[in-house]
Amino acid sequence: MEKGPAVERDLVVERGLVVEGLRKRYGDHLAVDGVSFALPAGGSLAIVGESGSGKTTTVRMLVGLERADGGTVRLDGRDRSARARGRAERLARAREIQMVFQDPYLSLDPRITVSGCLDEVLRLHTSLDAAAREARVADLLDRVGLGSREAAARPRGLSGGQRQRVAIARALAVEPQVLVLDEAVAALDVSIQAQILDLLREIRREAGIGYLFVTHDLAVVRHVADDVLVLKSGAVVEQGPVDRVLGAPEHPYTRLLLDSVPRRGWAPGT
């Protein structure tokens, strides 16, 4: 695999997420091939690439939805690579890194209200009593721009943007250090995308949460990320500050991704 000079980066951070040599194989297919990167505390990193590049597999290993075949994942120096020992450690790891999916409807229980969904998370992860949980739920919903009407609704009664706000509130409920967003605005209308991205930027500024965005949309990358990592066939081909990588890409694949973005006046076949 061709790798430009921008691939090699210093992975030493005092606080934050450090991933080194992450690998995952499915049968004969090497889905993730030696991926390494660092996300400083409160930083924002975008992982980009075409479908099948290994983006989602990489972040699923970070949150524990997939087991890595090799490599290490450390958060604030603590190794998360080995299997968690017992329920308490599993819950602690879940609190550290939370994930928001592309389709929140699939990750929300359709049988319970929004307030019930958030209360369930708080009962599992905190020792708050009922009154304190109720106050915390109201605060979380207010933080993402939702109110009492949405609190009493079930997921099917909400719009796509409202459901994504609920998913973000649920992730924030456990006060994570890192929030992973897997194509979290891809299914939303452009105007709603902008609202969600502005919300995420405000939350990051207030709470200091680190963001890890998985996206194919380079406009989103420019809007929300400090750094970008480009994956091709499971391997890193380029990474660095967004302005440098997207403004002066060094790898042909990065240039190809940029050239594939439709521009004003673009039409199929032209």
C-alpha atoms as a PDB file:
ATOM      1  CA  MET A   1       0.000   0.000   0.000  1.00  0.00           C
ATOM      2  CA  GLU A   2       1.396   3.404  -1.014  1.00  0.00           C
ATOM      3  CA  LYS A   3       1.789   5.772   1.903  1.00  0.00           C
ATOM      4  CA  GLY A   4       2.787   9.403   1.669  1.00  0.00           C
ATOM      5  CA  PRO A   5       4.877  11.222   4.242  1.00  0.00           C
ATOM      6  CA  ALA A   6       1.761  12.665   5.886  1.00  0.00           C
ATOM      7  CA  VAL A   7       0.785   9.221   7.201  1.00  0.00           C
ATOM      8  CA  GLU A   8       3.435   9.154   9.926  1.00  0.00           C
ATOM      9  CA  ARG A   9       2.348  11.175  12.976  1.00  0.00           C
ATOM     10  CA  ASP A  10       3.347  11.514  16.618  1.00  0.00           C
ATOM     11  CA  LEU A  11       0.949   9.338  18.612  1.00  0.00           C
ATOM     12  CA  VAL A  12       2.080  10.621  22.005  1.00  0.00           C
ATOM     13  CA  VAL A  13      -0.702  12.561  23.741  1.00  0.00           C
ATOM     14  CA  GLU A  14      -0.939  13.250  27.464  1.00  0.00           C
ATOM     15  CA  ARG A  15      -4.714  12.767  27.531  1.00  0.00           C
ATOM     16  CA  GLY A  16      -6.943  11.314  24.881  1.00  0.00           C
ATOM     17  CA  LEU A  17      -7.429   8.307  22.629  1.00  0.00           C
ATOM     18  CA  VAL A  18      -4.435   6.566  21.062  1.00  0.00           C
ATOM     19  CA  VAL A  19      -4.903   3.747  18.541  1.00  0.00           C
ATOM     20  CA  GLU A  20      -1.884   1.815  17.271  1.00  0.00           C
ATOM     21  CA  GLY A  21      -1.685  -0.945  14.656  1.00  0.00           C
ATOM     22  CA  LEU A  22      -5.378  -1.859  14.748  1.00  0.00           C
ATOM     23  CA  ARG A  23      -6.195  -4.896  12.596  1.00  0.00           C
ATOM     24  CA  LYS A  24      -9.345  -6.851  11.747  1.00  0.00           C
ATOM     25  CA  ARG A  25      -9.783  -9.757   9.353  1.00  0.00           C
ATOM     26  CA  TYR A  26     -12.981 -11.443   8.167  1.00  0.00           C
ATOM     27  CA  GLY A  27     -11.953 -14.724   6.559  1.00  0.00           C
ATOM     28  CA  ASP A  28      -9.627 -13.854   3.689  1.00  0.00           C
ATOM     29  CA  HIS A  29     -10.558 -10.160   3.787  1.00  0.00           C
ATOM     30  CA  LEU A  30      -8.330  -7.800   5.760  1.00  0.00           C
ATOM     31  CA  ALA A  31     -10.857  -5.097   6.667  1.00  0.00           C
ATOM     32  CA  VAL A  32      -8.559  -2.973   8.840  1.00  0.00           C
ATOM     33  CA  ASP A  33      -4.818  -3.080   8.234  1.00  0.00           C
ATOM     34  CA  GLY A  34      -2.578  -1.478  10.863  1.00  0.00           C
ATOM     35  CA  VAL A  35      -4.606   1.683  11.526  1.00  0.00           C
ATOM     36  CA  SER A  36      -2.980   4.158  13.929  1.00  0.00           C
ATOM     37  CA  PHE A  37      -4.062   7.620  15.052  1.00  0.00           C
ATOM     38  CA  ALA A  38      -4.361   9.876  18.077  1.00  0.00           C
ATOM     39  CA  LEU A  39      -7.323  11.964  19.243  1.00  0.00           C
ATOM     40  CA  PRO A  40      -6.286  14.464  21.938  1.00  0.00           C
ATOM     41  CA  ALA A  41      -8.746  15.182  24.746  1.00  0.00           C
ATOM     42  CA  GLY A  42     -11.376  17.561  23.391  1.00  0.00           C
ATOM     43  CA  GLY A  43     -10.110  17.170  19.820  1.00  0.00           C
ATOM     44  CA  SER A  44     -12.098  16.376  16.686  1.00  0.00           C
ATOM     45  CA  LEU A  45     -10.943  13.817  14.120  1.00  0.00           C
ATOM     46  CA  ALA A  46     -12.743  12.745  10.947  1.00  0.00           C
ATOM     47  CA  ILE A  47     -12.193   9.331   9.339  1.00  0.00           C
ATOM     48  CA  VAL A  48     -13.040   9.415   5.634  1.00  0.00           C
ATOM     49  CA  GLY A  49     -13.007   6.977   2.741  1.00  0.00           C
ATOM     50  CA  GLU A  50     -15.266   5.186   0.313  1.00  0.00           C
ATOM     51  CA  SER A  51     -17.721   2.474   1.316  1.00  0.00           C
ATOM     52  CA  GLY A  52     -15.704  -0.596   2.319  1.00  0.00           C
ATOM     53  CA  SER A  53     -12.628   1.399   3.311  1.00  0.00           C
ATOM     54  CA  GLY A  54     -12.765   0.130   6.919  1.00  0.00           C
ATOM     55  CA  LYS A  55     -14.142   3.272   8.600  1.00  0.00           C
ATOM     56  CA  THR A  56     -17.043   1.718  10.471  1.00  0.00           C
ATOM     57  CA  THR A  57     -15.155  -1.461  11.368  1.00  0.00           C
ATOM     58  CA  THR A  58     -12.433   0.691  12.932  1.00  0.00           C
ATOM     59  CA  VAL A  59     -14.768   2.631  15.212  1.00  0.00           C
ATOM     60  CA  ARG A  60     -16.813  -0.454  16.108  1.00  0.00           C
ATOM     61  CA  MET A  61     -13.609  -1.936  17.524  1.00  0.00           C
ATOM     62  CA  LEU A  62     -13.036   1.218  19.566  1.00  0.00           C
ATOM     63  CA  VAL A  63     -16.410   0.983  21.295  1.00  0.00           C
ATOM     64  CA  GLY A  64     -16.235  -2.789  21.758  1.00  0.00           C
ATOM     65  CA  LEU A  65     -18.796  -3.885  19.160  1.00  0.00           C
ATOM     66  CA  GLU A  66     -16.035  -5.803  17.333  1.00  0.00           C
ATOM     67  CA  ARG A  67     -12.947  -7.577  18.689  1.00  0.00           C
ATOM     68  CA  ALA A  68      -9.674  -6.492  17.119  1.00  0.00           C
ATOM     69  CA  ASP A  69      -7.284  -9.150  15.830  1.00  0.00           C
ATOM     70  CA  GLY A  70      -4.302  -6.980  16.660  1.00  0.00           C
ATOM     71  CA  GLY A  71      -3.204  -3.542  17.837  1.00  0.00           C
ATOM     72  CA  THR A  72      -3.918  -1.473  20.928  1.00  0.00           C
ATOM     73  CA  VAL A  73      -6.498   1.101  21.997  1.00  0.00           C
ATOM     74  CA  ARG A  74      -5.618   3.353  24.942  1.00  0.00           C
ATOM     75  CA  LEU A  75      -7.630   6.134  26.553  1.00  0.00           C
ATOM     76  CA  ASP A  76      -5.724   8.440  28.898  1.00  0.00           C
ATOM     77  CA  GLY A  77      -3.066   5.721  29.016  1.00  0.00           C
ATOM     78  CA  ARG A  78      -5.493   2.939  30.008  1.00  0.00           C
ATOM     79  CA  ASP A  79      -5.433  -0.102  27.738  1.00  0.00           C
ATOM     80  CA  ARG A  80      -8.863  -0.985  26.336  1.00  0.00           C
ATOM     81  CA  SER A  81      -7.571  -3.706  24.012  1.00  0.00           C
ATOM     82  CA  ALA A  82      -8.106  -6.725  26.260  1.00  0.00           C
ATOM     83  CA  ARG A  83     -11.555  -8.149  26.945  1.00  0.00           C
ATOM     84  CA  ALA A  84     -13.307  -6.362  29.798  1.00  0.00           C
ATOM     85  CA  ARG A  85     -13.281  -8.286  33.076  1.00  0.00           C
ATOM     86  CA  GLY A  86     -16.763  -8.272  34.519  1.00  0.00           C
ATOM     87  CA  ARG A  87     -19.843  -6.093  34.305  1.00  0.00           C
ATOM     88  CA  ALA A  88     -18.366  -3.114  36.157  1.00  0.00           C
ATOM     89  CA  GLU A  89     -15.476  -2.781  33.716  1.00  0.00           C
ATOM     90  CA  ARG A  90     -17.800  -3.161  30.714  1.00  0.00           C
ATOM     91  CA  LEU A  91     -20.001  -0.356  32.010  1.00  0.00           C
ATOM     92  CA  ALA A  92     -16.984   1.839  32.755  1.00  0.00           C
ATOM     93  CA  ARG A  93     -15.693   1.392  29.210  1.00  0.00           C
ATOM     94  CA  ALA A  94     -19.127   2.139  27.786  1.00  0.00           C
ATOM     95  CA  ARG A  95     -19.211   5.418  29.694  1.00  0.00           C
ATOM     96  CA  GLU A  96     -15.825   6.455  28.322  1.00  0.00           C
ATOM     97  CA  ILE A  97     -16.674   6.108  24.616  1.00  0.00           C
ATOM     98  CA  GLN A  98     -20.203   6.471  23.294  1.00  0.00           C
ATOM     99  CA  MET A  99     -21.445   6.036  19.716  1.00  0.00           C
ATOM    100  CA  VAL A 100     -24.179   7.746  17.692  1.00  0.00           C
ATOM    101  CA  PHE A 101     -25.320   5.815  14.630  1.00  0.00           C
ATOM    102  CA  GLN A 102     -26.549   6.947  11.214  1.00  0.00           C
ATOM    103  CA  ASP A 103     -30.116   5.772  11.859  1.00  0.00           C
ATOM    104  CA  PRO A 104     -31.066   6.538  15.472  1.00  0.00           C
ATOM    105  CA  TYR A 105     -34.452   4.854  15.043  1.00  0.00           C
ATOM    106  CA  LEU A 106     -32.742   1.454  14.978  1.00  0.00           C
ATOM    107  CA  SER A 107     -30.942   2.156  18.272  1.00  0.00           C
ATOM    108  CA  LEU A 108     -33.929   3.625  20.145  1.00  0.00           C
ATOM    109  CA  ASP A 109     -36.486   1.374  21.803  1.00  0.00           C
ATOM    110  CA  PRO A 110     -39.771   2.090  19.957  1.00  0.00           C
ATOM    111  CA  ARG A 111     -41.810   0.931  22.961  1.00  0.00           C
ATOM    112  CA  ILE A 112     -40.723   3.593  25.449  1.00  0.00           C
ATOM    113  CA  THR A 113     -40.819   7.374  25.514  1.00  0.00           C
ATOM    114  CA  VAL A 114     -37.811   9.593  25.035  1.00  0.00           C
ATOM    115  CA  SER A 115     -37.690  10.417  28.751  1.00  0.00           C
ATOM    116  CA  GLY A 116     -37.927   6.696  29.554  1.00  0.00           C
ATOM    117  CA  CYS A 117     -35.019   5.978  27.199  1.00  0.00           C
ATOM    118  CA  LEU A 118     -32.778   8.530  28.913  1.00  0.00           C
ATOM    119  CA  ASP A 119     -33.907   7.464  32.388  1.00  0.00           C
ATOM    120  CA  GLU A 120     -32.968   3.872  31.544  1.00  0.00           C
ATOM    121  CA  VAL A 121     -29.402   4.944  30.739  1.00  0.00           C
ATOM    122  CA  LEU A 122     -29.127   6.915  33.974  1.00  0.00           C
ATOM    123  CA  ARG A 123     -30.454   4.006  36.061  1.00  0.00           C
ATOM    124  CA  LEU A 124     -27.842   1.713  34.506  1.00  0.00           C
ATOM    125  CA  HIS A 125     -24.842   4.009  34.783  1.00  0.00           C
ATOM    126  CA  THR A 126     -25.472   6.278  37.784  1.00  0.00           C
ATOM    127  CA  SER A 127     -26.655   6.129  41.398  1.00  0.00           C
ATOM    128  CA  LEU A 128     -29.071   9.068  41.004  1.00  0.00           C
ATOM    129  CA  ASP A 129     -32.462   8.743  42.666  1.00  0.00           C
ATOM    130  CA  ALA A 130     -35.720   9.171  40.704  1.00  0.00           C
ATOM    131  CA  ALA A 131     -36.004  12.929  41.296  1.00  0.00           C
ATOM    132  CA  ALA A 132     -32.386  13.559  40.316  1.00  0.00           C
ATOM    133  CA  ARG A 133     -32.777  11.419  37.194  1.00  0.00           C
ATOM    134  CA  GLU A 134     -35.890  13.342  36.174  1.00  0.00           C
ATOM    135  CA  ALA A 135     -34.006  16.627  36.511  1.00  0.00           C
ATOM    136  CA  ARG A 136     -31.048  15.233  34.587  1.00  0.00           C
ATOM    137  CA  VAL A 137     -33.307  14.023  31.753  1.00  0.00           C
ATOM    138  CA  ALA A 138     -34.867  17.484  31.455  1.00  0.00           C
ATOM    139  CA  ASP A 139     -31.403  19.064  31.400  1.00  0.00           C
ATOM    140  CA  LEU A 140     -30.144  16.685  28.709  1.00  0.00           C
ATOM    141  CA  LEU A 141     -33.149  17.323  26.480  1.00  0.00           C
ATOM    142  CA  ASP A 142     -32.815  21.072  26.931  1.00  0.00           C
ATOM    143  CA  ARG A 143     -29.148  20.791  26.017  1.00  0.00           C
ATOM    144  CA  VAL A 144     -30.006  19.273  22.631  1.00  0.00           C
ATOM    145  CA  GLY A 145     -32.915  21.616  21.960  1.00  0.00           C
ATOM    146  CA  LEU A 146     -35.830  19.354  22.927  1.00  0.00           C
ATOM    147  CA  GLY A 147     -38.610  19.896  25.460  1.00  0.00           C
ATOM    148  CA  SER A 148     -41.476  18.266  27.318  1.00  0.00           C
ATOM    149  CA  ARG A 149     -43.453  17.391  24.178  1.00  0.00           C
ATOM    150  CA  GLU A 150     -40.548  15.387  22.767  1.00  0.00           C
ATOM    151  CA  ALA A 151     -39.852  13.880  26.203  1.00  0.00           C
ATOM    152  CA  ALA A 152     -43.322  12.320  26.245  1.00  0.00           C
ATOM    153  CA  ALA A 153     -43.137  11.065  22.649  1.00  0.00           C
ATOM    154  CA  ARG A 154     -42.018   7.704  21.343  1.00  0.00           C
ATOM    155  CA  PRO A 155     -39.360   7.582  18.585  1.00  0.00           C
ATOM    156  CA  ARG A 156     -41.914   7.092  15.777  1.00  0.00           C
ATOM    157  CA  GLY A 157     -43.531  10.394  16.755  1.00  0.00           C
ATOM    158  CA  LEU A 158     -40.351  12.387  16.141  1.00  0.00           C
ATOM    159  CA  SER A 159     -38.671  13.679  13.013  1.00  0.00           C
ATOM    160  CA  GLY A 160     -35.299  12.329  11.895  1.00  0.00           C
ATOM    161  CA  GLY A 161     -33.494  15.362  13.274  1.00  0.00           C
ATOM    162  CA  GLN A 162     -35.298  15.084  16.609  1.00  0.00           C
ATOM    163  CA  ARG A 163     -34.430  11.386  16.893  1.00  0.00           C
ATOM    164  CA  GLN A 164     -30.777  12.195  16.241  1.00  0.00           C
ATOM    165  CA  ARG A 165     -30.902  14.819  19.003  1.00  0.00           C
ATOM    166  CA  VAL A 166     -32.313  12.159  21.346  1.00  0.00           C
ATOM    167  CA  ALA A 167     -29.476   9.795  20.387  1.00  0.00           C
ATOM    168  CA  ILE A 168     -26.945  12.534  21.154  1.00  0.00           C
ATOM    169  CA  ALA A 169     -28.632  13.284  24.503  1.00  0.00           C
ATOM    170  CA  ARG A 170     -28.529   9.585  25.398  1.00  0.00           C
ATOM    171  CA  ALA A 171     -24.808   9.429  24.591  1.00  0.00           C
ATOM    172  CA  LEU A 172     -24.137  12.562  26.655  1.00  0.00           C
ATOM    173  CA  ALA A 173     -26.040  11.142  29.634  1.00  0.00           C
ATOM    174  CA  VAL A 174     -22.998   9.143  30.785  1.00  0.00           C
ATOM    175  CA  GLU A 175     -20.586  12.080  30.268  1.00  0.00           C
ATOM    176  CA  PRO A 176     -18.261  10.312  27.808  1.00  0.00           C
ATOM    177  CA  GLN A 177     -14.730  11.398  27.033  1.00  0.00           C
ATOM    178  CA  VAL A 178     -15.124  10.487  23.357  1.00  0.00           C
ATOM    179  CA  LEU A 179     -18.213  10.602  21.155  1.00  0.00           C
ATOM    180  CA  VAL A 180     -18.085   8.491  17.979  1.00  0.00           C
ATOM    181  CA  LEU A 181     -20.473   9.651  15.241  1.00  0.00           C
ATOM    182  CA  ASP A 182     -20.872   7.113  12.437  1.00  0.00           C
ATOM    183  CA  GLU A 183     -22.408   8.971   9.460  1.00  0.00           C
ATOM    184  CA  ALA A 184     -24.593  10.637  12.080  1.00  0.00           C
ATOM    185  CA  VAL A 185     -25.972  13.342   9.759  1.00  0.00           C
ATOM    186  CA  ALA A 186     -25.879  11.466   6.450  1.00  0.00           C
ATOM    187  CA  ALA A 187     -29.606  10.658   6.392  1.00  0.00           C
ATOM    188  CA  LEU A 188     -30.761  14.170   7.315  1.00  0.00           C
ATOM    189  CA  ASP A 189     -31.812  17.070   5.104  1.00  0.00           C
ATOM    190  CA  VAL A 190     -29.097  19.671   4.577  1.00  0.00           C
ATOM    191  CA  SER A 191     -30.768  22.261   6.821  1.00  0.00           C
ATOM    192  CA  ILE A 192     -31.175  19.714   9.631  1.00  0.00           C
ATOM    193  CA  GLN A 193     -27.575  18.554   9.132  1.00  0.00           C
ATOM    194  CA  ALA A 194     -26.413  22.110   9.751  1.00  0.00           C
ATOM    195  CA  GLN A 195     -28.460  22.341  12.950  1.00  0.00           C
ATOM    196  CA  ILE A 196     -27.054  19.062  14.307  1.00  0.00           C
ATOM    197  CA  LEU A 197     -23.482  20.010  13.400  1.00  0.00           C
ATOM    198  CA  ASP A 198     -23.862  23.407  15.082  1.00  0.00           C
ATOM    199  CA  LEU A 199     -25.261  21.617  18.151  1.00  0.00           C
ATOM    200  CA  LEU A 200     -22.292  19.240  18.246  1.00  0.00           C
ATOM    201  CA  ARG A 201     -19.852  22.103  17.912  1.00  0.00           C
ATOM    202  CA  GLU A 202     -21.510  23.923  20.825  1.00  0.00           C
ATOM    203  CA  ILE A 203     -21.468  20.783  23.007  1.00  0.00           C
ATOM    204  CA  ARG A 204     -17.808  20.203  22.255  1.00  0.00           C
ATOM    205  CA  ARG A 205     -16.975  23.783  23.228  1.00  0.00           C
ATOM    206  CA  GLU A 206     -18.915  23.524  26.503  1.00  0.00           C
ATOM    207  CA  ALA A 207     -18.092  19.961  27.589  1.00  0.00           C
ATOM    208  CA  GLY A 208     -14.660  19.357  26.061  1.00  0.00           C
ATOM    209  CA  ILE A 209     -15.701  15.991  24.604  1.00  0.00           C
ATOM    210  CA  GLY A 210     -13.491  14.502  21.899  1.00  0.00           C
ATOM    211  CA  TYR A 211     -15.275  13.763  18.607  1.00  0.00           C
ATOM    212  CA  LEU A 212     -14.516  10.977  16.170  1.00  0.00           C
ATOM    213  CA  PHE A 213     -16.525  11.448  12.975  1.00  0.00           C
ATOM    214  CA  VAL A 214     -16.971   8.703  10.390  1.00  0.00           C
ATOM    215  CA  THR A 215     -18.174  10.269   7.177  1.00  0.00           C
ATOM    216  CA  HIS A 216     -17.913  10.281   3.414  1.00  0.00           C
ATOM    217  CA  ASP A 217     -18.990  13.944   3.261  1.00  0.00           C
ATOM    218  CA  LEU A 218     -15.959  16.213   3.000  1.00  0.00           C
ATOM    219  CA  ALA A 219     -18.128  19.294   3.607  1.00  0.00           C
ATOM    220  CA  VAL A 220     -18.943  17.862   7.042  1.00  0.00           C
ATOM    221  CA  VAL A 221     -15.229  17.271   7.651  1.00  0.00           C
ATOM    222  CA  ARG A 222     -14.405  20.902   6.926  1.00  0.00           C
ATOM    223  CA  HIS A 223     -17.184  22.036   9.266  1.00  0.00           C
ATOM    224  CA  VAL A 224     -16.472  19.938  12.347  1.00  0.00           C
ATOM    225  CA  ALA A 225     -12.989  18.387  12.373  1.00  0.00           C
ATOM    226  CA  ASP A 226      -9.524  19.592  13.355  1.00  0.00           C
ATOM    227  CA  ASP A 227      -7.780  16.610  11.767  1.00  0.00           C
ATOM    228  CA  VAL A 228      -8.670  14.044   9.137  1.00  0.00           C
ATOM    229  CA  LEU A 229      -7.561  10.467   8.498  1.00  0.00           C
ATOM    230  CA  VAL A 230      -8.044   8.961   5.023  1.00  0.00           C
ATOM    231  CA  LEU A 231      -8.637   5.206   4.760  1.00  0.00           C
ATOM    232  CA  LYS A 232      -8.360   3.104   1.615  1.00  0.00           C
ATOM    233  CA  SER A 233      -8.836  -0.677   1.653  1.00  0.00           C
ATOM    234  CA  GLY A 234      -8.450  -0.720   5.429  1.00  0.00           C
ATOM    235  CA  ALA A 235      -5.159   1.189   5.557  1.00  0.00           C
ATOM    236  CA  VAL A 236      -4.287   4.807   6.337  1.00  0.00           C
ATOM    237  CA  VAL A 237      -2.996   6.597   3.247  1.00  0.00           C
ATOM    238  CA  GLU A 238      -2.943  10.150   4.609  1.00  0.00           C
ATOM    239  CA  GLN A 239      -3.681  12.052   7.788  1.00  0.00           C
ATOM    240  CA  GLY A 240      -3.125  15.495   9.220  1.00  0.00           C
ATOM    241  CA  PRO A 241      -4.824  18.841   9.846  1.00  0.00           C
ATOM    242  CA  VAL A 242      -8.001  19.320   7.799  1.00  0.00           C
ATOM    243  CA  ASP A 243      -6.793  22.480   6.077  1.00  0.00           C
ATOM    244  CA  ARG A 244      -3.583  20.801   4.936  1.00  0.00           C
ATOM    245  CA  VAL A 245      -5.008  17.427   3.872  1.00  0.00           C
ATOM    246  CA  LEU A 246      -8.042  18.824   2.045  1.00  0.00           C
ATOM    247  CA  GLY A 247      -6.270  21.954   0.827  1.00  0.00           C
ATOM    248  CA  ALA A 248      -3.063  20.330  -0.407  1.00  0.00           C
ATOM    249  CA  PRO A 249      -3.517  16.520  -0.442  1.00  0.00           C
ATOM    250  CA  GLU A 250      -0.367  14.450  -0.921  1.00  0.00           C
ATOM    251  CA  HIS A 251      -1.907  11.072  -1.780  1.00  0.00           C
ATOM    252  CA  PRO A 252      -3.643  10.332  -5.119  1.00  0.00           C
ATOM    253  CA  TYR A 253      -6.574   8.699  -3.337  1.00  0.00           C
ATOM    254  CA  THR A 254      -7.234  11.828  -1.265  1.00  0.00           C
ATOM    255  CA  ARG A 255      -7.153  13.893  -4.449  1.00  0.00           C
ATOM    256  CA  LEU A 256      -9.596  11.426  -6.016  1.00  0.00           C
ATOM    257  CA  LEU A 257     -12.023  11.849  -3.111  1.00  0.00           C
ATOM    258  CA  LEU A 258     -11.824  15.618  -3.443  1.00  0.00           C
ATOM    259  CA  ASP A 259     -12.284  15.483  -7.222  1.00  0.00           C
ATOM    260  CA  SER A 260     -15.413  13.343  -6.722  1.00  0.00           C
ATOM    261  CA  VAL A 261     -17.226  16.068  -4.761  1.00  0.00           C
ATOM    262  CA  PRO A 262     -19.918  17.641  -7.001  1.00  0.00           C
ATOM    263  CA  ARG A 263     -19.348  21.345  -7.667  1.00  0.00           C
ATOM    264  CA  ARG A 264     -21.554  24.139  -8.926  1.00  0.00           C
ATOM    265  CA  GLY A 265     -22.473  23.443 -12.526  1.00  0.00           C
ATOM    266  CA  TRP A 266     -21.558  19.756 -12.267  1.00  0.00           C
ATOM    267  CA  ALA A 267     -23.687  17.301 -14.228  1.00  0.00           C
ATOM    268  CA  PRO A 268     -23.390  13.512 -14.798  1.00  0.00           C
ATOM    269  CA  GLY A 269     -21.186  12.695 -17.743  1.00  0.00           C
ATOM    270  CA  THR A 270     -19.446  16.084 -17.830  1.00  0.00           C
END
